[in-house]
């Protein structure tokens, strides 16, 4: 699910645009400050700078801020699919699967049955896959975006950023 919120960029001196954009990004989400920067955009009007920042929320939703001084717009994109925040995989999960494989082989040798070993291995892998699919579906269902709340956050961040040097 994706939502786009767009507002007009307030009247600012050109020299203050970067500071304004950085303040809005930091105000929306602290981790967005680390990804804040300018990109060069080329179109029929020539080249121009567009300020961007990207952040992830605890539920995995991505938040993308796009401030284009030439077009006088501030856009916020909220997305519950697509890019996910980098996740570190639990190292113990791989070890557990290897231990299960070894236990299946040992059970097969002790009982002198390769069918038992293959059956236990299939049960182990099937359970692991089913739990992972269930976790992913549950995680996706939890992702809810409240566009009105984000719109209010964006408006408040813009108002605070406008008053920096006043």
N, C-alpha and C. Protein backbone atom coordinates (compact mmCIF):
# COMPACT_ATOMS: atom_id res chain seq x y z
N UNK A 1 0.85 -1.16 0.00
CA UNK A 1 0.00 0.00 0.00
C UNK A 1 0.90 1.23 0.00
N UNK A 2 0.58 2.19 -0.83
CA UNK A 2 1.38 3.40 -0.91
C UNK A 2 0.47 4.62 -0.80
N UNK A 3 0.95 5.62 -0.06
CA UNK A 3 0.26 6.90 0.04
C UNK A 3 1.25 7.99 -0.32
N UNK A 4 0.75 9.01 -1.00
CA UNK A 4 1.58 10.17 -1.33
C UNK A 4 0.91 11.41 -0.77
N UNK A 5 1.67 12.16 -0.01
CA UNK A 5 1.19 13.42 0.52
C UNK A 5 2.02 14.52 -0.12
N UNK A 6 1.35 15.54 -0.60
CA UNK A 6 2.07 16.61 -1.28
C UNK A 6 1.56 17.95 -0.79
N UNK A 7 2.51 18.85 -0.48
CA UNK A 7 2.18 20.21 -0.06
C UNK A 7 3.09 21.17 -0.81
N UNK A 8 2.70 22.44 -0.82
CA UNK A 8 3.52 23.46 -1.48
C UNK A 8 4.70 23.83 -0.59
N UNK A 9 5.84 24.05 -1.22
CA UNK A 9 7.03 24.49 -0.51
C UNK A 9 6.85 25.94 -0.12
N UNK A 10 7.07 26.29 1.15
CA UNK A 10 6.93 27.69 1.56
C UNK A 10 7.97 28.57 0.88
N UNK A 11 7.70 29.86 0.85
CA UNK A 11 8.65 30.81 0.27
C UNK A 11 9.88 30.88 1.16
N UNK A 12 11.01 30.52 0.59
CA UNK A 12 12.28 30.52 1.31
C UNK A 12 13.35 31.13 0.43
N UNK A 13 14.36 31.75 1.04
CA UNK A 13 15.51 32.15 0.23
C UNK A 13 16.22 30.89 -0.28
N UNK A 14 16.76 30.95 -1.47
CA UNK A 14 17.40 29.78 -2.07
C UNK A 14 18.52 29.23 -1.18
N UNK A 15 19.21 30.11 -0.47
CA UNK A 15 20.31 29.68 0.39
C UNK A 15 19.83 28.87 1.59
N UNK A 16 18.57 29.01 1.96
CA UNK A 16 18.03 28.32 3.14
C UNK A 16 17.32 27.02 2.80
N UNK A 17 17.22 26.67 1.52
CA UNK A 17 16.47 25.48 1.11
C UNK A 17 17.08 24.21 1.70
N UNK A 18 18.40 24.07 1.65
CA UNK A 18 19.04 22.86 2.17
C UNK A 18 18.79 22.73 3.67
N UNK A 19 18.96 23.82 4.40
CA UNK A 19 18.74 23.78 5.85
C UNK A 19 17.29 23.45 6.18
N UNK A 20 16.37 24.03 5.41
CA UNK A 20 14.94 23.74 5.60
C UNK A 20 14.66 22.26 5.36
N UNK A 21 15.17 21.72 4.25
CA UNK A 21 14.92 20.32 3.90
C UNK A 21 15.52 19.38 4.94
N UNK A 22 16.72 19.70 5.43
CA UNK A 22 17.36 18.86 6.45
C UNK A 22 16.55 18.86 7.74
N UNK A 23 16.02 20.02 8.11
CA UNK A 23 15.22 20.12 9.33
C UNK A 23 13.91 19.33 9.21
N UNK A 24 13.26 19.41 8.05
CA UNK A 24 12.01 18.67 7.84
C UNK A 24 12.28 17.16 7.93
N UNK A 25 13.35 16.70 7.29
CA UNK A 25 13.69 15.27 7.31
C UNK A 25 13.97 14.80 8.74
N UNK A 26 14.76 15.56 9.48
CA UNK A 26 15.09 15.17 10.85
C UNK A 26 13.86 15.20 11.75
N UNK A 27 12.95 16.12 11.49
CA UNK A 27 11.74 16.25 12.30
C UNK A 27 10.77 15.09 12.04
N UNK A 28 10.70 14.64 10.79
CA UNK A 28 9.79 13.55 10.45
C UNK A 28 10.23 12.23 11.08
N UNK A 29 11.51 11.95 11.00
CA UNK A 29 12.03 10.68 11.50
C UNK A 29 13.54 10.85 11.69
N UNK A 30 14.04 10.64 12.89
CA UNK A 30 15.47 10.88 13.15
C UNK A 30 16.41 10.11 12.22
N UNK A 31 16.04 8.86 11.84
CA UNK A 31 16.95 8.10 10.97
C UNK A 31 16.98 8.65 9.55
N UNK A 32 16.03 9.50 9.20
CA UNK A 32 16.05 10.09 7.85
C UNK A 32 17.20 11.09 7.71
N UNK A 33 17.68 11.64 8.81
CA UNK A 33 18.78 12.60 8.74
C UNK A 33 20.02 11.96 8.14
N UNK A 34 20.23 10.68 8.40
CA UNK A 34 21.41 9.99 7.89
C UNK A 34 21.36 9.74 6.40
N UNK A 35 20.18 9.75 5.80
CA UNK A 35 20.07 9.50 4.36
C UNK A 35 19.77 10.78 3.59
N UNK A 36 19.72 11.90 4.28
CA UNK A 36 19.39 13.17 3.65
C UNK A 36 20.49 13.60 2.69
N UNK A 37 20.07 14.10 1.52
CA UNK A 37 21.05 14.61 0.56
C UNK A 37 20.38 15.10 -0.70
N UNK A 38 21.19 15.68 -1.57
CA UNK A 38 20.69 16.22 -2.84
C UNK A 38 21.00 15.25 -3.97
N UNK A 39 20.08 15.19 -4.91
CA UNK A 39 20.33 14.45 -6.14
C UNK A 39 20.16 15.44 -7.30
N UNK A 40 20.87 15.23 -8.37
CA UNK A 40 20.77 16.08 -9.55
C UNK A 40 19.72 15.49 -10.48
N UNK A 41 18.77 16.32 -10.86
CA UNK A 41 17.71 15.90 -11.77
C UNK A 41 17.86 16.68 -13.06
N UNK A 42 17.83 15.98 -14.19
CA UNK A 42 17.91 16.63 -15.50
C UNK A 42 16.57 16.51 -16.20
N UNK A 43 16.10 17.63 -16.73
CA UNK A 43 14.88 17.61 -17.53
C UNK A 43 14.99 18.73 -18.56
N UNK A 44 13.89 19.07 -19.20
CA UNK A 44 13.90 20.08 -20.26
C UNK A 44 14.38 21.43 -19.75
N UNK A 45 14.18 21.71 -18.47
CA UNK A 45 14.59 22.99 -17.89
C UNK A 45 16.04 23.02 -17.47
N UNK A 46 16.78 21.96 -17.69
CA UNK A 46 18.18 21.89 -17.29
C UNK A 46 18.35 21.00 -16.07
N UNK A 47 19.43 21.24 -15.33
CA UNK A 47 19.69 20.45 -14.13
C UNK A 47 19.30 21.25 -12.89
N UNK A 48 18.83 20.51 -11.88
CA UNK A 48 18.46 21.16 -10.62
C UNK A 48 18.68 20.17 -9.49
N UNK A 49 18.76 20.69 -8.26
CA UNK A 49 18.91 19.85 -7.08
C UNK A 49 17.53 19.54 -6.51
N UNK A 50 17.38 18.28 -6.12
CA UNK A 50 16.17 17.84 -5.41
C UNK A 50 16.67 17.19 -4.13
N UNK A 51 16.10 17.61 -3.00
CA UNK A 51 16.52 17.09 -1.70
C UNK A 51 15.68 15.88 -1.34
N UNK A 52 16.35 14.81 -0.91
CA UNK A 52 15.64 13.57 -0.58
C UNK A 52 16.13 12.99 0.73
N UNK A 53 15.29 12.17 1.33
CA UNK A 53 15.66 11.40 2.52
C UNK A 53 14.77 10.16 2.57
N UNK A 54 15.31 9.08 3.11
CA UNK A 54 14.57 7.82 3.20
C UNK A 54 14.72 7.27 4.60
N UNK A 55 13.64 6.77 5.15
CA UNK A 55 13.68 6.17 6.49
C UNK A 55 12.70 5.02 6.58
N UNK A 56 12.91 4.18 7.57
CA UNK A 56 12.01 3.06 7.81
C UNK A 56 11.41 3.19 9.19
N UNK A 57 10.18 2.76 9.30
CA UNK A 57 9.49 2.75 10.59
C UNK A 57 9.65 1.38 11.23
N UNK A 58 9.28 1.28 12.50
CA UNK A 58 9.45 0.02 13.22
C UNK A 58 8.68 -1.13 12.58
N UNK A 59 7.57 -0.82 11.92
CA UNK A 59 6.78 -1.89 11.29
C UNK A 59 7.30 -2.29 9.92
N UNK A 60 8.39 -1.66 9.46
CA UNK A 60 8.97 -2.01 8.17
C UNK A 60 8.52 -1.11 7.03
N UNK A 61 7.59 -0.20 7.28
CA UNK A 61 7.14 0.73 6.25
C UNK A 61 8.27 1.70 5.90
N UNK A 62 8.37 2.05 4.63
CA UNK A 62 9.38 3.02 4.23
C UNK A 62 8.73 4.39 4.06
N UNK A 63 9.51 5.42 4.39
CA UNK A 63 9.06 6.81 4.29
C UNK A 63 10.09 7.53 3.43
N UNK A 64 9.62 8.16 2.36
CA UNK A 64 10.51 8.84 1.42
C UNK A 64 10.09 10.31 1.32
N UNK A 65 11.03 11.20 1.60
CA UNK A 65 10.78 12.64 1.52
C UNK A 65 11.46 13.18 0.26
N UNK A 66 10.73 14.01 -0.47
CA UNK A 66 11.20 14.56 -1.75
C UNK A 66 10.87 16.06 -1.74
N UNK A 67 11.89 16.91 -1.72
CA UNK A 67 11.67 18.36 -1.72
C UNK A 67 12.30 18.92 -2.99
N UNK A 68 11.45 19.48 -3.84
CA UNK A 68 11.89 20.01 -5.13
C UNK A 68 11.69 21.52 -5.14
N UNK A 69 12.76 22.31 -4.90
CA UNK A 69 12.62 23.77 -4.86
C UNK A 69 12.18 24.37 -6.20
N UNK A 70 12.60 23.77 -7.32
CA UNK A 70 12.24 24.32 -8.63
C UNK A 70 10.74 24.19 -8.89
N UNK A 71 10.16 23.08 -8.47
CA UNK A 71 8.72 22.87 -8.67
C UNK A 71 7.90 23.34 -7.47
N UNK A 72 8.58 23.82 -6.44
CA UNK A 72 7.93 24.37 -5.24
C UNK A 72 7.01 23.34 -4.57
N UNK A 73 7.52 22.10 -4.40
CA UNK A 73 6.68 21.10 -3.77
C UNK A 73 7.47 20.25 -2.77
N UNK A 74 6.74 19.80 -1.77
CA UNK A 74 7.26 18.86 -0.77
C UNK A 74 6.37 17.63 -0.88
N UNK A 75 6.97 16.47 -1.11
CA UNK A 75 6.20 15.24 -1.25
C UNK A 75 6.72 14.20 -0.26
N UNK A 76 5.77 13.51 0.36
CA UNK A 76 6.10 12.44 1.30
C UNK A 76 5.42 11.18 0.81
N UNK A 77 6.21 10.13 0.58
CA UNK A 77 5.65 8.85 0.13
C UNK A 77 5.78 7.84 1.27
N UNK A 78 4.68 7.18 1.55
CA UNK A 78 4.63 6.16 2.60
C UNK A 78 4.32 4.84 1.93
N UNK A 79 5.11 3.82 2.20
CA UNK A 79 4.95 2.55 1.48
C UNK A 79 5.11 1.38 2.44
N UNK A 80 4.16 0.44 2.40
CA UNK A 80 4.25 -0.74 3.25
C UNK A 80 4.84 -1.94 2.53
N UNK A 81 5.19 -1.79 1.27
CA UNK A 81 5.81 -2.91 0.56
C UNK A 81 7.01 -2.38 -0.20
N UNK A 82 7.68 -3.23 -0.88
CA UNK A 82 8.86 -2.80 -1.63
C UNK A 82 10.09 -2.90 -0.76
N UNK A 83 10.79 -1.81 -0.61
CA UNK A 83 12.02 -1.82 0.16
C UNK A 83 11.73 -2.10 1.63
N UNK A 84 12.46 -3.01 2.19
CA UNK A 84 12.39 -3.26 3.62
C UNK A 84 13.68 -2.78 4.24
N UNK A 85 13.57 -2.45 5.50
CA UNK A 85 14.78 -2.07 6.23
C UNK A 85 15.72 -3.26 6.27
N UNK A 86 17.01 -3.00 6.20
CA UNK A 86 17.96 -4.12 6.29
C UNK A 86 17.73 -4.87 7.61
N UNK A 87 17.64 -6.18 7.52
CA UNK A 87 17.41 -6.99 8.72
C UNK A 87 18.55 -7.96 8.90
N UNK A 88 18.98 -8.09 10.14
CA UNK A 88 20.01 -9.08 10.40
C UNK A 88 19.32 -10.40 10.73
N UNK A 89 19.77 -11.44 10.10
CA UNK A 89 19.18 -12.75 10.32
C UNK A 89 19.82 -13.38 11.54
N UNK A 90 19.02 -14.06 12.30
CA UNK A 90 19.53 -14.72 13.50
C UNK A 90 20.49 -15.84 13.10
N UNK A 91 21.68 -15.78 13.63
CA UNK A 91 22.68 -16.80 13.29
C UNK A 91 22.29 -18.16 13.88
N UNK A 92 21.59 -18.13 14.98
CA UNK A 92 21.22 -19.38 15.64
C UNK A 92 20.23 -20.19 14.80
N UNK A 93 19.46 -19.52 13.92
CA UNK A 93 18.48 -20.23 13.10
C UNK A 93 19.17 -21.20 12.15
N UNK A 94 20.26 -20.77 11.54
CA UNK A 94 21.02 -21.67 10.64
C UNK A 94 21.61 -22.83 11.44
N UNK A 95 22.14 -22.53 12.61
CA UNK A 95 22.70 -23.58 13.46
C UNK A 95 21.64 -24.58 13.89
N UNK A 96 20.44 -24.07 14.18
CA UNK A 96 19.35 -24.95 14.58
C UNK A 96 18.94 -25.88 13.44
N UNK A 97 18.90 -25.35 12.21
CA UNK A 97 18.57 -26.20 11.06
C UNK A 97 19.64 -27.27 10.83
N UNK A 98 20.91 -26.90 10.99
CA UNK A 98 21.99 -27.87 10.82
C UNK A 98 21.92 -28.93 11.92
N UNK A 99 21.62 -28.50 13.15
CA UNK A 99 21.47 -29.46 14.25
C UNK A 99 20.30 -30.40 13.99
N UNK A 100 19.21 -29.87 13.43
CA UNK A 100 18.05 -30.71 13.08
C UNK A 100 18.40 -31.72 12.01
N UNK A 101 19.19 -31.27 11.03
CA UNK A 101 19.66 -32.19 9.98
C UNK A 101 20.49 -33.31 10.59
N UNK A 102 21.40 -32.93 11.48
CA UNK A 102 22.25 -33.95 12.13
C UNK A 102 21.39 -34.89 12.98
N UNK A 103 20.43 -34.35 13.71
CA UNK A 103 19.56 -35.19 14.55
C UNK A 103 18.74 -36.15 13.68
N UNK A 104 18.28 -35.68 12.54
CA UNK A 104 17.53 -36.55 11.62
C UNK A 104 18.40 -37.69 11.13
N UNK A 105 19.65 -37.38 10.75
CA UNK A 105 20.57 -38.40 10.27
C UNK A 105 20.88 -39.40 11.39
N UNK A 106 21.12 -38.91 12.60
CA UNK A 106 21.43 -39.79 13.73
C UNK A 106 20.24 -40.70 14.04
N UNK A 107 19.03 -40.13 14.04
CA UNK A 107 17.83 -40.93 14.29
C UNK A 107 17.68 -42.01 13.23
N UNK A 108 17.98 -41.69 11.99
CA UNK A 108 17.90 -42.67 10.91
C UNK A 108 18.91 -43.79 11.08
N UNK A 109 20.13 -43.42 11.51
CA UNK A 109 21.17 -44.44 11.70
C UNK A 109 20.83 -45.33 12.90
N UNK A 110 20.40 -44.71 14.01
CA UNK A 110 20.07 -45.47 15.22
C UNK A 110 18.91 -46.43 14.94
N UNK A 111 17.91 -45.97 14.26
CA UNK A 111 16.74 -46.81 13.96
C UNK A 111 16.92 -47.63 12.69
N UNK A 112 18.05 -47.45 12.00
CA UNK A 112 18.37 -48.14 10.75
C UNK A 112 17.28 -47.93 9.70
N UNK A 113 16.87 -46.65 9.58
CA UNK A 113 15.81 -46.33 8.63
C UNK A 113 16.10 -44.98 7.98
N UNK A 114 16.42 -45.00 6.70
CA UNK A 114 16.63 -43.74 5.97
C UNK A 114 15.31 -43.03 5.74
N UNK A 115 14.24 -43.77 5.65
CA UNK A 115 12.93 -43.13 5.51
C UNK A 115 12.59 -42.28 6.73
N UNK A 116 12.95 -42.78 7.92
CA UNK A 116 12.73 -42.00 9.14
C UNK A 116 13.56 -40.72 9.10
N UNK A 117 14.82 -40.83 8.69
CA UNK A 117 15.70 -39.66 8.61
C UNK A 117 15.15 -38.64 7.62
N UNK A 118 14.73 -39.10 6.46
CA UNK A 118 14.19 -38.19 5.44
C UNK A 118 12.87 -37.59 5.91
N UNK A 119 12.04 -38.39 6.55
CA UNK A 119 10.76 -37.89 7.08
C UNK A 119 10.96 -36.83 8.14
N UNK A 120 11.90 -37.06 9.09
CA UNK A 120 12.18 -36.06 10.14
C UNK A 120 12.75 -34.78 9.54
N UNK A 121 13.63 -34.92 8.56
CA UNK A 121 14.20 -33.75 7.89
C UNK A 121 13.10 -32.96 7.17
N UNK A 122 12.22 -33.66 6.46
CA UNK A 122 11.10 -32.98 5.78
C UNK A 122 10.19 -32.27 6.77
N UNK A 123 9.92 -32.91 7.89
CA UNK A 123 9.09 -32.30 8.92
C UNK A 123 9.75 -31.04 9.49
N UNK A 124 11.05 -31.13 9.73
CA UNK A 124 11.79 -29.99 10.26
C UNK A 124 11.78 -28.81 9.27
N UNK A 125 12.11 -29.08 8.02
CA UNK A 125 12.15 -28.02 7.02
C UNK A 125 10.75 -27.46 6.74
N UNK A 126 9.76 -28.33 6.66
CA UNK A 126 8.38 -27.88 6.43
C UNK A 126 7.88 -26.99 7.56
N UNK A 127 8.18 -27.36 8.79
CA UNK A 127 7.78 -26.54 9.94
C UNK A 127 8.49 -25.19 9.90
N UNK A 128 9.78 -25.21 9.59
CA UNK A 128 10.54 -23.96 9.52
C UNK A 128 9.97 -23.03 8.45
N UNK A 129 9.66 -23.56 7.29
CA UNK A 129 9.10 -22.76 6.20
C UNK A 129 7.72 -22.23 6.57
N UNK A 130 6.88 -23.08 7.17
CA UNK A 130 5.53 -22.65 7.56
C UNK A 130 5.58 -21.54 8.60
N UNK A 131 6.48 -21.66 9.57
CA UNK A 131 6.61 -20.61 10.59
C UNK A 131 7.09 -19.29 9.98
N UNK A 132 8.03 -19.39 9.03
CA UNK A 132 8.54 -18.18 8.39
C UNK A 132 7.45 -17.49 7.55
N UNK A 133 6.68 -18.27 6.80
CA UNK A 133 5.58 -17.69 6.00
C UNK A 133 4.55 -17.05 6.92
N UNK A 134 4.22 -17.71 8.02
CA UNK A 134 3.25 -17.16 8.98
C UNK A 134 3.77 -15.84 9.56
N UNK A 135 5.07 -15.80 9.91
CA UNK A 135 5.67 -14.58 10.46
C UNK A 135 5.61 -13.45 9.43
N UNK A 136 5.90 -13.74 8.17
CA UNK A 136 5.87 -12.71 7.15
C UNK A 136 4.46 -12.18 6.93
N UNK A 137 3.46 -13.07 6.91
CA UNK A 137 2.08 -12.62 6.73
C UNK A 137 1.61 -11.78 7.90
N UNK A 138 1.97 -12.18 9.11
CA UNK A 138 1.60 -11.42 10.30
C UNK A 138 2.26 -10.05 10.27
N UNK A 139 3.51 -10.02 9.88
CA UNK A 139 4.24 -8.75 9.79
C UNK A 139 3.59 -7.82 8.77
N UNK A 140 3.18 -8.35 7.62
CA UNK A 140 2.55 -7.54 6.58
C UNK A 140 1.21 -6.99 7.04
N UNK A 141 0.44 -7.79 7.78
CA UNK A 141 -0.86 -7.33 8.27
C UNK A 141 -0.70 -6.20 9.27
N UNK A 142 0.40 -6.19 10.03
CA UNK A 142 0.62 -5.14 11.03
C UNK A 142 0.94 -3.80 10.41
N UNK A 143 1.37 -3.80 9.18
CA UNK A 143 1.75 -2.56 8.53
C UNK A 143 0.51 -1.76 8.16
N UNK A 144 0.27 -0.74 8.89
CA UNK A 144 -0.85 0.15 8.63
C UNK A 144 -0.32 1.58 8.55
N UNK A 145 -0.79 2.30 7.60
CA UNK A 145 -0.39 3.70 7.46
C UNK A 145 -1.58 4.58 7.77
N UNK A 146 -1.35 5.56 8.59
CA UNK A 146 -2.38 6.55 8.89
C UNK A 146 -2.00 7.83 8.14
N UNK A 147 -2.55 8.02 6.92
CA UNK A 147 -2.15 9.17 6.11
C UNK A 147 -2.42 10.51 6.79
N UNK A 148 -3.51 10.60 7.53
CA UNK A 148 -3.83 11.87 8.19
C UNK A 148 -2.79 12.21 9.27
N UNK A 149 -2.37 11.20 10.02
CA UNK A 149 -1.34 11.43 11.05
C UNK A 149 -0.03 11.86 10.41
N UNK A 150 0.35 11.21 9.29
CA UNK A 150 1.58 11.60 8.60
C UNK A 150 1.45 12.99 7.99
N UNK A 151 0.27 13.32 7.48
CA UNK A 151 0.05 14.65 6.94
C UNK A 151 0.23 15.69 8.05
N UNK A 152 -0.30 15.41 9.23
CA UNK A 152 -0.14 16.33 10.36
C UNK A 152 1.33 16.45 10.76
N UNK A 153 2.05 15.32 10.76
CA UNK A 153 3.49 15.36 11.08
C UNK A 153 4.25 16.18 10.06
N UNK A 154 3.91 16.01 8.77
CA UNK A 154 4.58 16.76 7.71
C UNK A 154 4.31 18.26 7.86
N UNK A 155 3.05 18.62 8.10
CA UNK A 155 2.71 20.04 8.27
C UNK A 155 3.45 20.64 9.47
N UNK A 156 3.49 19.91 10.58
CA UNK A 156 4.18 20.40 11.78
C UNK A 156 5.68 20.54 11.52
N UNK A 157 6.27 19.59 10.81
CA UNK A 157 7.70 19.66 10.50
C UNK A 157 8.01 20.84 9.61
N UNK A 158 7.14 21.12 8.64
CA UNK A 158 7.33 22.26 7.75
C UNK A 158 7.21 23.57 8.54
N UNK A 159 6.24 23.65 9.41
CA UNK A 159 6.05 24.88 10.21
C UNK A 159 7.26 25.11 11.11
N UNK A 160 7.79 24.07 11.76
CA UNK A 160 8.96 24.23 12.62
C UNK A 160 10.18 24.61 11.80
N UNK A 161 10.34 24.02 10.61
CA UNK A 161 11.50 24.32 9.77
C UNK A 161 11.43 25.75 9.23
N UNK A 162 10.23 26.28 9.00
CA UNK A 162 10.10 27.66 8.49
C UNK A 162 10.54 28.66 9.54
N UNK A 163 10.43 28.34 10.80
CA UNK A 163 10.74 29.29 11.87
C UNK A 163 12.16 29.17 12.39
N UNK A 164 13.02 28.49 11.69
CA UNK A 164 14.40 28.29 12.15
C UNK A 164 15.13 29.61 12.35
N UNK A 165 15.10 30.48 11.37
CA UNK A 165 15.88 31.72 11.44
C UNK A 165 15.03 32.96 11.66
N UNK A 166 13.78 32.77 11.99
CA UNK A 166 12.94 33.96 12.17
C UNK A 166 13.20 34.62 13.49
